[in-house]
Amino acid sequence: MSAVNGAVTEQGWRQPRVAPSLVEVYRTIPVAQGAWWRKALAFSGPGYLVAVGYMDPGNWATDLAGGSRFGYALLSVVLVSNLMAILLQGLAAKLGIVTGRDLAQACRDHYSRPVNLALWIVCELAIAACDLAEVIGSAIGLNLLFGIPLPWGIVITALDVLIVLYLQNKGFRLLEALVLALITTIAGCFLFEILISGPSWPGIAAGFVPHASLLGDRDQLYIAMGILGATVMPHNLYLHSSIVQTRAYDETAAGRRTAVRFAFLDSTIALTIALGINAAILIVAAATFHVSGHTEVAEIQEAYRLLTPLLGVGGASMVFALALLASGQNSTLTGTLAGQIVMEGFLNIRIRPWLRRLITRAIAIVPAALTAIFFGESGTAKLLILSQVILSVQLSFAVFPLVRFTSERAKMGEFVNPAWLKALAYAVAVAIAVLNSWLLVQVVRGRAG
């Protein structure tokens, strides 16, 4: 322990811990004692809120584009992205549990004010890009199911802030239960779609094997990076490091060790389910569109129109649209929490959640509405994929601080990353940065050409 301006601080940190983000739900969920499965159930929940971001409408656009154009080839990207996500989300949970700080608060303590402001702006852009995908996805779902025009659907999605506020006031467990119910709905819908699409199982197995030719194909790499951006979401790292603190675990070495273990189990199971759903979207696109010669299906609306006639099964398109709407609304719930955590953590500013959500929604609604009005369906599809590439480019600004903090013994104590984990985490961080740089080079070359 050390003293800074008369205040007691923990070793490795410049300032004492401040009030946690989401203070209204901080340590409100008791941790059951006894059998391991009781503890596992007590800690289950945050991983599913994080997993929501790995199956949002942005994933749909990139997975549909990848499956229809390249068949099963990009399944390897989905798999590798998900493995990266499991590693990084595990580190985020550990940071929050061990230090009592979320990633945004840790950055504010460690970096100078100018650097923090830059990181905050970058993260806000990432949240806006993610929210853009949620707005467009929900609006498309409303349009497909109920015939509501896209501009009106975009406006309606701005009102979901009321749902989030109501659920937060009723308890965090209710919010987690709703998220799990929506995930189950999405999974059930795509299980149905896979069964009726009759995919090539040998083709699927081959698709999960990485291949170097990906790096030489600019179009394939662009969609691959979109998949990476849609899978490993930067704001989810901030979200996870905060919501794991909703559990009232013992703040001792043994209590934290138990919490870290079960939090990792929770997120790994949840992200494995997300992997299955992401892979299912791409598999359905490959089995339905790619094999029939429809290799340019990147628009969700076009996929909706083609599913029933190509598969010859009534209701296939409606099930697809229902899963899309569930996905968009699910992502909205967690986006609200992430926005609040990022603003409070980086700036130590507390504003009412409804006002924070309206600000975020306004940033996303304006470009989405203008695109829907002036460019229609094709414009919204391109905007969806672009939003995911933006997320991918911004990912390194969250990943490198996370890996650095969890690898410093002064900050983590006995929970510091061992040498092998530190090397693996930095390898993942560098790989993400290199792939993003390569993507930008390819895009610039393409435009120059």
Protein backbone atom coordinates (compact mmCIF):
# COMPACT_ATOMS: atom_id res chain seq x y z
CA MET A 1 0.00 0.00 0.00
CA SER A 2 1.17 3.56 -0.62
CA ALA A 3 -0.05 7.06 0.15
CA VAL A 4 -0.97 9.60 -2.51
CA ASN A 5 -2.15 13.02 -1.31
CA GLY A 6 -3.04 11.47 2.02
CA ALA A 7 -5.23 8.76 0.49
CA VAL A 8 -4.37 5.08 0.72
CA THR A 9 -3.83 3.42 -2.66
CA GLU A 10 -3.20 -0.17 -3.65
CA GLN A 11 0.25 -1.10 -4.82
CA GLY A 12 0.71 -0.54 -8.54
CA TRP A 13 -2.05 2.06 -8.83
CA ARG A 14 -1.65 5.82 -8.60
CA GLN A 15 -5.05 6.60 -7.15
CA PRO A 16 -7.41 4.84 -4.71
CA ARG A 17 -10.37 2.91 -6.09
CA VAL A 18 -13.36 5.07 -6.91
CA ALA A 19 -17.02 4.17 -6.84
CA PRO A 20 -17.67 1.31 -9.27
CA SER A 21 -19.49 1.77 -12.55
CA LEU A 22 -23.08 0.48 -12.45
CA VAL A 23 -23.04 1.21 -8.73
CA GLU A 24 -26.75 0.39 -8.50
CA VAL A 25 -26.04 -3.32 -9.13
CA TYR A 26 -22.53 -3.58 -7.64
CA ARG A 27 -22.14 -6.77 -5.50
CA THR A 28 -25.93 -7.30 -5.41
CA ILE A 29 -25.87 -10.99 -6.37
CA PRO A 30 -24.84 -13.37 -3.56
CA VAL A 31 -22.42 -16.21 -4.25
CA ALA A 32 -23.79 -19.58 -3.15
CA GLN A 33 -21.69 -21.80 -0.93
CA GLY A 34 -21.41 -25.58 -1.11
CA ALA A 35 -21.25 -27.70 -4.26
CA TRP A 36 -19.27 -26.38 -7.24
CA TRP A 37 -22.33 -26.31 -9.47
CA ARG A 38 -24.08 -23.94 -7.07
CA LYS A 39 -21.14 -21.57 -7.34
CA ALA A 40 -21.11 -21.98 -11.11
CA LEU A 41 -24.79 -21.00 -11.29
CA ALA A 42 -24.19 -18.00 -9.03
CA PHE A 43 -21.43 -16.73 -11.34
CA SER A 44 -23.26 -17.55 -14.60
CA GLY A 45 -24.79 -14.57 -16.35
CA PRO A 46 -22.17 -11.94 -17.18
CA GLY A 47 -20.71 -14.20 -19.88
CA TYR A 48 -24.06 -14.30 -21.67
CA LEU A 49 -24.37 -10.52 -21.61
CA VAL A 50 -20.90 -10.37 -23.18
CA ALA A 51 -21.75 -13.13 -25.70
CA VAL A 52 -24.65 -11.02 -27.00
CA GLY A 53 -22.16 -8.70 -28.66
CA TYR A 54 -20.75 -11.67 -30.56
CA MET A 55 -24.03 -12.43 -32.31
CA ASP A 56 -25.44 -8.98 -33.03
CA PRO A 57 -26.75 -7.82 -36.45
CA GLY A 58 -23.23 -6.77 -37.45
CA ASN A 59 -22.22 -10.42 -37.29
CA TRP A 60 -25.15 -11.29 -39.51
CA ALA A 61 -24.03 -8.94 -42.27
CA THR A 62 -20.43 -10.15 -42.26
CA ASP A 63 -21.35 -13.85 -41.90
CA LEU A 64 -23.95 -13.64 -44.68
CA ALA A 65 -21.47 -11.90 -46.98
CA GLY A 66 -18.73 -14.38 -46.15
CA GLY A 67 -20.90 -17.49 -46.52
CA SER A 68 -22.63 -16.48 -49.74
CA ARG A 69 -19.44 -15.35 -51.48
CA PHE A 70 -16.81 -17.75 -50.20
CA GLY A 71 -18.81 -20.76 -48.99
CA TYR A 72 -17.48 -22.37 -45.83
CA ALA A 73 -13.95 -20.93 -46.22
CA LEU A 74 -14.30 -18.23 -43.56
CA LEU A 75 -15.46 -20.59 -40.82
CA SER A 76 -11.82 -20.69 -39.74
CA VAL A 77 -11.98 -16.91 -39.15
CA VAL A 78 -15.10 -17.34 -37.01
CA LEU A 79 -13.33 -20.04 -34.97
CA VAL A 80 -10.05 -18.13 -34.49
CA SER A 81 -11.91 -14.93 -33.64
CA ASN A 82 -13.93 -16.76 -31.01
CA LEU A 83 -10.82 -18.31 -29.45
CA MET A 84 -9.30 -14.83 -29.25
CA ALA A 85 -12.50 -13.60 -27.63
CA ILE A 86 -12.44 -16.34 -24.98
CA LEU A 87 -8.86 -15.41 -24.05
CA LEU A 88 -9.44 -11.65 -23.96
CA GLN A 89 -12.76 -11.82 -22.11
CA GLY A 90 -11.13 -14.08 -19.53
CA LEU A 91 -8.45 -11.44 -18.97
CA ALA A 92 -11.09 -8.69 -18.71
CA ALA A 93 -12.99 -10.64 -16.06
CA LYS A 94 -9.79 -11.26 -14.12
CA LEU A 95 -8.86 -7.57 -14.19
CA GLY A 96 -12.24 -6.56 -12.78
CA ILE A 97 -12.32 -9.24 -10.07
CA VAL A 98 -8.72 -8.89 -8.87
CA THR A 99 -8.32 -5.10 -8.96
CA GLY A 100 -11.90 -3.96 -8.34
CA ARG A 101 -11.52 -1.69 -11.36
CA ASP A 102 -13.06 -2.06 -14.79
CA LEU A 103 -10.81 -1.57 -17.83
CA ALA A 104 -11.86 2.07 -18.31
CA GLN A 105 -11.06 2.92 -14.68
CA ALA A 106 -7.72 1.12 -14.94
CA CYS A 107 -6.84 3.18 -18.03
CA ARG A 108 -7.81 6.41 -16.29
CA ASP A 109 -5.50 5.55 -13.39
CA HIS A 110 -2.55 4.44 -15.52
CA TYR A 111 -2.45 6.85 -18.47
CA SER A 112 -2.20 10.63 -18.71
CA ARG A 113 -5.32 12.71 -19.23
CA PRO A 114 -4.69 13.35 -22.97
CA VAL A 115 -4.16 9.63 -23.60
CA ASN A 116 -7.31 8.81 -21.65
CA LEU A 117 -9.37 11.29 -23.62
CA ALA A 118 -8.09 9.75 -26.86
CA LEU A 119 -8.91 6.22 -25.64
CA TRP A 120 -12.35 7.37 -24.53
CA ILE A 121 -13.12 8.95 -27.92
CA VAL A 122 -11.97 5.81 -29.74
CA CYS A 123 -14.13 3.64 -27.49
CA GLU A 124 -17.15 5.89 -27.96
CA LEU A 125 -16.70 5.55 -31.72
CA ALA A 126 -16.64 1.77 -31.30
CA ILE A 127 -19.86 1.85 -29.26
CA ALA A 128 -21.47 4.13 -31.85
CA ALA A 129 -20.47 1.70 -34.62
CA CYS A 130 -21.90 -1.20 -32.64
CA ASP A 131 -25.07 0.73 -31.86
CA LEU A 132 -25.38 1.53 -35.54
CA ALA A 133 -25.50 -2.20 -36.29
CA GLU A 134 -28.10 -2.75 -33.57
CA VAL A 135 -30.30 0.08 -34.84
CA ILE A 136 -30.18 -1.11 -38.44
CA GLY A 137 -30.63 -4.77 -37.50
CA SER A 138 -33.64 -4.11 -35.28
CA ALA A 139 -35.20 -1.84 -37.90
CA ILE A 140 -34.73 -4.48 -40.61
CA GLY A 141 -36.29 -7.10 -38.31
CA LEU A 142 -39.33 -4.86 -37.70
CA ASN A 143 -39.59 -4.22 -41.42
CA LEU A 144 -39.47 -7.90 -42.36
CA LEU A 145 -41.87 -9.09 -39.66
CA PHE A 146 -44.39 -6.23 -39.56
CA GLY A 147 -43.79 -4.21 -42.72
CA ILE A 148 -42.65 -1.10 -40.81
CA PRO A 149 -40.60 1.18 -43.14
CA LEU A 150 -36.89 1.30 -42.32
CA PRO A 151 -36.80 5.00 -41.30
CA TRP A 152 -39.69 4.48 -38.85
CA GLY A 153 -38.15 1.26 -37.56
CA ILE A 154 -34.93 3.16 -36.84
CA VAL A 155 -36.87 5.76 -34.85
CA ILE A 156 -38.73 3.06 -32.88
CA THR A 157 -35.45 1.47 -31.79
CA ALA A 158 -34.55 4.72 -30.01
CA LEU A 159 -37.28 4.01 -27.47
CA ASP A 160 -35.78 0.75 -26.20
CA VAL A 161 -33.93 2.77 -23.57
CA LEU A 162 -37.12 2.52 -21.52
CA ILE A 163 -36.92 -1.29 -21.56
CA VAL A 164 -33.34 -1.26 -20.34
CA LEU A 165 -34.06 1.18 -17.52
CA TYR A 166 -37.05 -0.86 -16.36
CA LEU A 167 -35.04 -4.09 -16.26
CA GLN A 168 -32.14 -2.48 -14.40
CA ASN A 169 -34.50 -1.24 -11.73
CA LYS A 170 -35.95 -4.75 -11.30
CA GLY A 171 -32.57 -6.37 -10.64
CA PHE A 172 -29.59 -7.55 -12.64
CA ARG A 173 -30.67 -11.19 -12.61
CA LEU A 174 -33.84 -10.32 -14.53
CA LEU A 175 -31.77 -8.59 -17.18
CA GLU A 176 -29.52 -11.65 -17.46
CA ALA A 177 -32.56 -13.95 -17.69
CA LEU A 178 -34.05 -11.94 -20.55
CA VAL A 179 -30.74 -11.96 -22.41
CA LEU A 180 -30.47 -15.74 -22.01
CA ALA A 181 -34.06 -16.18 -23.27
CA LEU A 182 -33.30 -14.13 -26.39
CA ILE A 183 -30.06 -16.08 -26.99
CA THR A 184 -32.06 -19.32 -26.74
CA THR A 185 -34.53 -17.94 -29.29
CA ILE A 186 -31.74 -17.10 -31.74
CA ALA A 187 -30.08 -20.50 -31.27
CA GLY A 188 -33.38 -22.32 -31.80
CA CYS A 189 -34.10 -20.40 -34.98
CA PHE A 190 -30.73 -21.22 -36.52
CA LEU A 191 -30.87 -24.85 -35.50
CA PHE A 192 -34.06 -24.99 -37.56
CA GLU A 193 -32.38 -23.18 -40.48
CA ILE A 194 -29.40 -25.57 -40.49
CA LEU A 195 -31.61 -28.65 -40.41
CA ILE A 196 -33.60 -27.53 -43.44
CA SER A 197 -30.64 -26.12 -45.43
CA GLY A 198 -28.79 -29.47 -45.57
CA PRO A 199 -25.18 -28.19 -45.48
CA SER A 200 -22.10 -30.17 -46.56
CA TRP A 201 -20.57 -31.51 -43.36
CA PRO A 202 -17.21 -32.31 -45.02
CA GLY A 203 -17.22 -28.76 -46.38
CA ILE A 204 -17.89 -27.41 -42.89
CA ALA A 205 -15.02 -29.46 -41.43
CA ALA A 206 -12.65 -28.17 -44.13
CA GLY A 207 -13.84 -24.60 -43.56
CA PHE A 208 -12.70 -24.65 -39.94
CA VAL A 209 -9.08 -25.24 -41.07
CA PRO A 210 -7.18 -21.90 -41.48
CA HIS A 211 -5.60 -21.24 -44.89
CA ALA A 212 -2.92 -18.69 -45.88
CA SER A 213 -4.63 -17.73 -49.17
CA LEU A 214 -6.92 -15.49 -47.12
CA LEU A 215 -4.16 -12.87 -46.76
CA GLY A 216 -3.74 -12.48 -50.50
CA ASP A 217 -7.40 -11.84 -51.33
CA ARG A 218 -8.38 -8.25 -50.50
CA ASP A 219 -12.13 -8.87 -50.68
CA GLN A 220 -11.92 -12.02 -48.58
CA LEU A 221 -9.65 -10.28 -46.07
CA TYR A 222 -12.04 -7.32 -45.83
CA ILE A 223 -14.94 -9.56 -44.85
CA ALA A 224 -12.66 -11.62 -42.59
CA MET A 225 -11.65 -8.49 -40.69
CA GLY A 226 -15.32 -7.54 -40.49
CA ILE A 227 -15.97 -10.93 -38.89
CA LEU A 228 -13.10 -10.32 -36.46
CA GLY A 229 -14.44 -6.87 -35.62
CA ALA A 230 -17.95 -8.23 -35.14
CA THR A 231 -16.70 -11.10 -32.99
CA VAL A 232 -14.05 -9.60 -30.72
CA MET A 233 -15.87 -6.42 -29.69
CA PRO A 234 -13.72 -3.74 -27.99
CA HIS A 235 -16.47 -2.37 -25.74
CA ASN A 236 -17.22 -5.89 -24.48
CA LEU A 237 -13.85 -5.90 -22.72
CA TYR A 238 -14.91 -2.84 -20.73
CA LEU A 239 -18.35 -4.33 -20.12
CA HIS A 240 -17.10 -7.68 -18.82
CA SER A 241 -14.53 -6.15 -16.45
CA SER A 242 -17.38 -4.27 -14.77
CA ILE A 243 -20.35 -6.64 -14.66
CA VAL A 244 -18.34 -9.47 -13.05
CA GLN A 245 -18.33 -7.19 -10.01
CA THR A 246 -22.09 -7.66 -9.60
CA ARG A 247 -21.22 -10.88 -7.69
CA ALA A 248 -20.59 -10.58 -3.95
CA TYR A 249 -17.50 -12.81 -3.87
CA ASP A 250 -15.10 -12.72 -0.91
CA GLU A 251 -12.47 -10.03 -1.44
CA THR A 252 -9.69 -12.34 -0.31
CA ALA A 253 -7.10 -14.16 -2.39
CA ALA A 254 -9.12 -17.39 -2.17
CA GLY A 255 -12.40 -15.62 -2.95
CA ARG A 256 -10.95 -13.85 -5.95
CA ARG A 257 -9.37 -17.06 -7.21
CA THR A 258 -12.74 -18.80 -7.09
CA ALA A 259 -14.44 -15.85 -8.79
CA VAL A 260 -11.85 -15.76 -11.59
CA ARG A 261 -12.21 -19.49 -12.22
CA PHE A 262 -16.01 -19.48 -12.40
CA ALA A 263 -16.16 -16.23 -14.38
CA PHE A 264 -13.88 -17.80 -17.00
CA LEU A 265 -16.09 -20.91 -17.08
CA ASP A 266 -19.17 -18.72 -17.52
CA SER A 267 -17.74 -16.68 -20.39
CA THR A 268 -16.23 -19.71 -22.13
CA ILE A 269 -19.56 -21.56 -22.21
CA ALA A 270 -21.42 -18.45 -23.36
CA LEU A 271 -18.90 -17.64 -26.09
CA THR A 272 -18.96 -21.23 -27.31
CA ILE A 273 -22.71 -20.82 -27.82
CA ALA A 274 -21.98 -17.57 -29.67
CA LEU A 275 -19.47 -19.44 -31.86
CA GLY A 276 -22.18 -21.95 -32.73
CA ILE A 277 -24.63 -19.21 -33.70
CA ASN A 278 -22.08 -17.26 -35.76
CA ALA A 279 -20.97 -20.40 -37.54
CA ALA A 280 -24.63 -21.32 -38.14
CA ILE A 281 -25.32 -18.00 -39.88
CA LEU A 282 -22.35 -18.48 -42.20
CA ILE A 283 -23.19 -22.17 -42.79
CA VAL A 284 -26.80 -21.38 -43.71
CA ALA A 285 -25.58 -18.67 -46.11
CA ALA A 286 -23.07 -21.05 -47.71
CA ALA A 287 -25.50 -23.98 -47.97
CA THR A 288 -28.37 -21.86 -49.28
CA PHE A 289 -26.86 -19.06 -51.35
CA HIS A 290 -23.30 -20.02 -52.34
CA VAL A 291 -24.19 -23.46 -53.70
CA SER A 292 -27.11 -22.03 -55.70
CA GLY A 293 -24.98 -19.35 -57.36
CA HIS A 294 -26.25 -16.42 -55.28
CA THR A 295 -22.73 -15.34 -54.30
CA GLU A 296 -23.42 -11.64 -53.74
CA VAL A 297 -25.97 -11.92 -50.92
CA ALA A 298 -24.74 -9.45 -48.30
CA GLU A 299 -28.05 -7.76 -47.52
CA ILE A 300 -30.18 -9.20 -44.73
CA GLN A 301 -33.35 -8.30 -46.62
CA GLU A 302 -32.19 -10.20 -49.70
CA ALA A 303 -31.37 -13.24 -47.57
CA TYR A 304 -34.85 -13.06 -46.08
CA ARG A 305 -36.48 -12.99 -49.52
CA LEU A 306 -34.42 -15.88 -50.90
CA LEU A 307 -34.52 -18.32 -47.97
CA THR A 308 -38.04 -19.70 -48.38
CA PRO A 309 -38.00 -20.14 -52.20
CA LEU A 310 -34.47 -21.63 -52.24
CA LEU A 311 -35.08 -24.01 -49.34
CA GLY A 312 -38.66 -24.80 -50.29
CA VAL A 313 -39.78 -24.68 -46.65
CA GLY A 314 -42.53 -22.29 -45.61
CA GLY A 315 -41.69 -20.07 -42.68
CA ALA A 316 -37.90 -20.22 -43.17
CA SER A 317 -37.75 -16.50 -43.85
CA MET A 318 -39.97 -15.59 -40.90
CA VAL A 319 -37.83 -17.64 -38.51
CA PHE A 320 -34.78 -15.84 -39.88
CA ALA A 321 -36.40 -12.42 -39.27
CA LEU A 322 -37.49 -13.38 -35.75
CA ALA A 323 -33.92 -14.35 -34.85
CA LEU A 324 -32.69 -11.04 -36.30
CA LEU A 325 -35.10 -8.99 -34.19
CA ALA A 326 -34.13 -10.95 -31.06
CA SER A 327 -30.47 -10.34 -31.89
CA GLY A 328 -30.90 -6.59 -32.34
CA GLN A 329 -32.86 -6.15 -29.12
CA ASN A 330 -30.45 -8.32 -27.17
CA SER A 331 -27.48 -6.26 -28.31
CA THR A 332 -29.29 -3.09 -27.32
CA LEU A 333 -29.46 -4.19 -23.68
CA THR A 334 -25.72 -4.73 -23.34
CA GLY A 335 -24.82 -1.68 -25.42
CA THR A 336 -26.56 0.48 -22.84
CA LEU A 337 -24.47 -0.93 -20.02
CA ALA A 338 -21.22 -0.65 -21.98
CA GLY A 339 -21.83 3.01 -22.77
CA GLN A 340 -22.45 3.84 -19.13
CA ILE A 341 -19.34 1.94 -17.99
CA VAL A 342 -17.05 3.60 -20.53
CA MET A 343 -18.18 7.15 -19.78
CA GLU A 344 -18.09 6.70 -16.00
CA GLY A 345 -14.78 4.85 -16.08
CA PHE A 346 -12.77 7.13 -18.35
CA LEU A 347 -14.20 10.48 -17.26
CA ASN A 348 -15.50 9.69 -13.76
CA ILE A 349 -18.70 11.44 -14.83
CA ARG A 350 -22.02 10.08 -13.62
CA ILE A 351 -25.06 10.98 -15.71
CA ARG A 352 -28.44 9.38 -15.75
CA PRO A 353 -28.51 6.13 -17.80
CA TRP A 354 -31.49 7.28 -19.90
CA LEU A 355 -29.62 10.42 -20.93
CA ARG A 356 -26.46 8.44 -21.73
CA ARG A 357 -28.45 6.03 -23.86
CA LEU A 358 -30.24 8.79 -25.76
CA ILE A 359 -26.89 10.41 -26.58
CA THR A 360 -25.53 7.11 -27.93
CA ARG A 361 -28.70 6.39 -29.87
CA ALA A 362 -28.71 9.86 -31.46
CA ILE A 363 -25.14 9.31 -32.71
CA ALA A 364 -26.19 6.01 -34.32
CA ILE A 365 -29.64 6.98 -35.55
CA VAL A 366 -28.60 9.98 -37.65
CA PRO A 367 -26.31 8.12 -40.11
CA ALA A 368 -28.59 5.06 -40.10
CA ALA A 369 -31.70 7.10 -40.88
CA LEU A 370 -29.99 9.14 -43.61
CA THR A 371 -28.61 5.97 -45.20
CA ALA A 372 -32.01 4.24 -45.11
CA ILE A 373 -33.76 7.28 -46.60
CA PHE A 374 -31.30 8.06 -49.40
CA PHE A 375 -29.66 4.71 -50.20
CA GLY A 376 -32.23 2.11 -49.10
CA GLU A 377 -31.47 -1.55 -48.45
CA SER A 378 -28.12 -1.73 -50.25
CA GLY A 379 -26.81 1.25 -48.30
CA THR A 380 -27.76 -0.21 -44.92
CA ALA A 381 -26.04 -3.50 -45.79
CA LYS A 382 -22.79 -1.73 -46.69
CA LEU A 383 -23.05 0.40 -43.56
CA LEU A 384 -23.44 -2.73 -41.42
CA ILE A 385 -20.24 -4.31 -42.75
CA LEU A 386 -18.34 -1.01 -42.54
CA SER A 387 -19.38 -0.62 -38.89
CA GLN A 388 -17.83 -3.99 -38.08
CA VAL A 389 -14.57 -3.13 -39.83
CA ILE A 390 -14.45 0.09 -37.77
CA LEU A 391 -14.83 -2.03 -34.63
CA SER A 392 -11.97 -4.26 -35.72
CA VAL A 393 -9.65 -1.32 -36.39
CA GLN A 394 -10.38 0.13 -32.94
CA LEU A 395 -9.92 -3.18 -31.13
CA SER A 396 -6.19 -2.78 -30.43
CA PHE A 397 -6.83 0.35 -28.35
CA ALA A 398 -8.64 -1.84 -25.81
CA VAL A 399 -6.63 -5.04 -26.16
CA PHE A 400 -3.12 -3.69 -25.53
CA PRO A 401 -4.00 -1.90 -22.25
CA LEU A 402 -5.88 -4.99 -21.04
CA VAL A 403 -2.93 -7.31 -21.74
CA ARG A 404 -0.48 -4.84 -20.22
CA PHE A 405 -2.42 -4.39 -16.96
CA THR A 406 -3.03 -8.10 -16.40
CA SER A 407 0.66 -8.82 -17.08
CA GLU A 408 1.98 -6.37 -14.45
CA ARG A 409 2.68 -7.99 -11.08
CA ALA A 410 2.47 -4.62 -9.31
CA LYS A 411 -1.18 -4.34 -10.37
CA MET A 412 -2.27 -7.99 -10.24
CA GLY A 413 -0.10 -9.49 -7.51
CA GLU A 414 -0.27 -13.28 -7.46
CA PHE A 415 -2.92 -13.17 -10.22
CA VAL A 416 -0.50 -11.75 -12.80
CA ASN A 417 -0.49 -13.55 -16.13
CA PRO A 418 2.09 -16.36 -16.16
CA ALA A 419 4.80 -16.14 -18.81
CA TRP A 420 3.03 -18.44 -21.29
CA LEU A 421 -0.26 -16.55 -20.98
CA LYS A 422 1.48 -13.20 -21.26
CA ALA A 423 3.22 -14.35 -24.46
CA LEU A 424 -0.02 -15.72 -25.91
CA ALA A 425 -2.00 -12.59 -25.04
CA TYR A 426 0.59 -10.29 -26.61
CA ALA A 427 0.73 -12.56 -29.68
CA VAL A 428 -3.04 -12.18 -30.07
CA ALA A 429 -2.81 -8.40 -29.59
CA VAL A 430 -0.01 -8.09 -32.18
CA ALA A 431 -1.85 -10.38 -34.62
CA ILE A 432 -4.96 -8.20 -34.41
CA ALA A 433 -2.91 -5.05 -34.99
CA VAL A 434 -1.02 -6.57 -37.95
CA LEU A 435 -4.17 -7.88 -39.60
CA ASN A 436 -5.85 -4.50 -39.24
CA SER A 437 -2.82 -2.75 -40.76
CA TRP A 438 -2.80 -5.23 -43.63
CA LEU A 439 -6.49 -4.61 -44.21
CA LEU A 440 -5.96 -0.85 -44.42
CA VAL A 441 -3.10 -1.33 -46.89
CA GLN A 442 -5.27 -3.57 -49.07
CA VAL A 443 -8.16 -1.09 -49.01
CA VAL A 444 -5.87 1.82 -49.92
CA ARG A 445 -4.32 -0.19 -52.75
CA GLY A 446 -7.77 -1.11 -54.01
CA ARG A 447 -8.91 2.51 -54.02
CA ALA A 448 -5.69 3.62 -55.72
CA GLY A 449 -6.14 0.95 -58.36
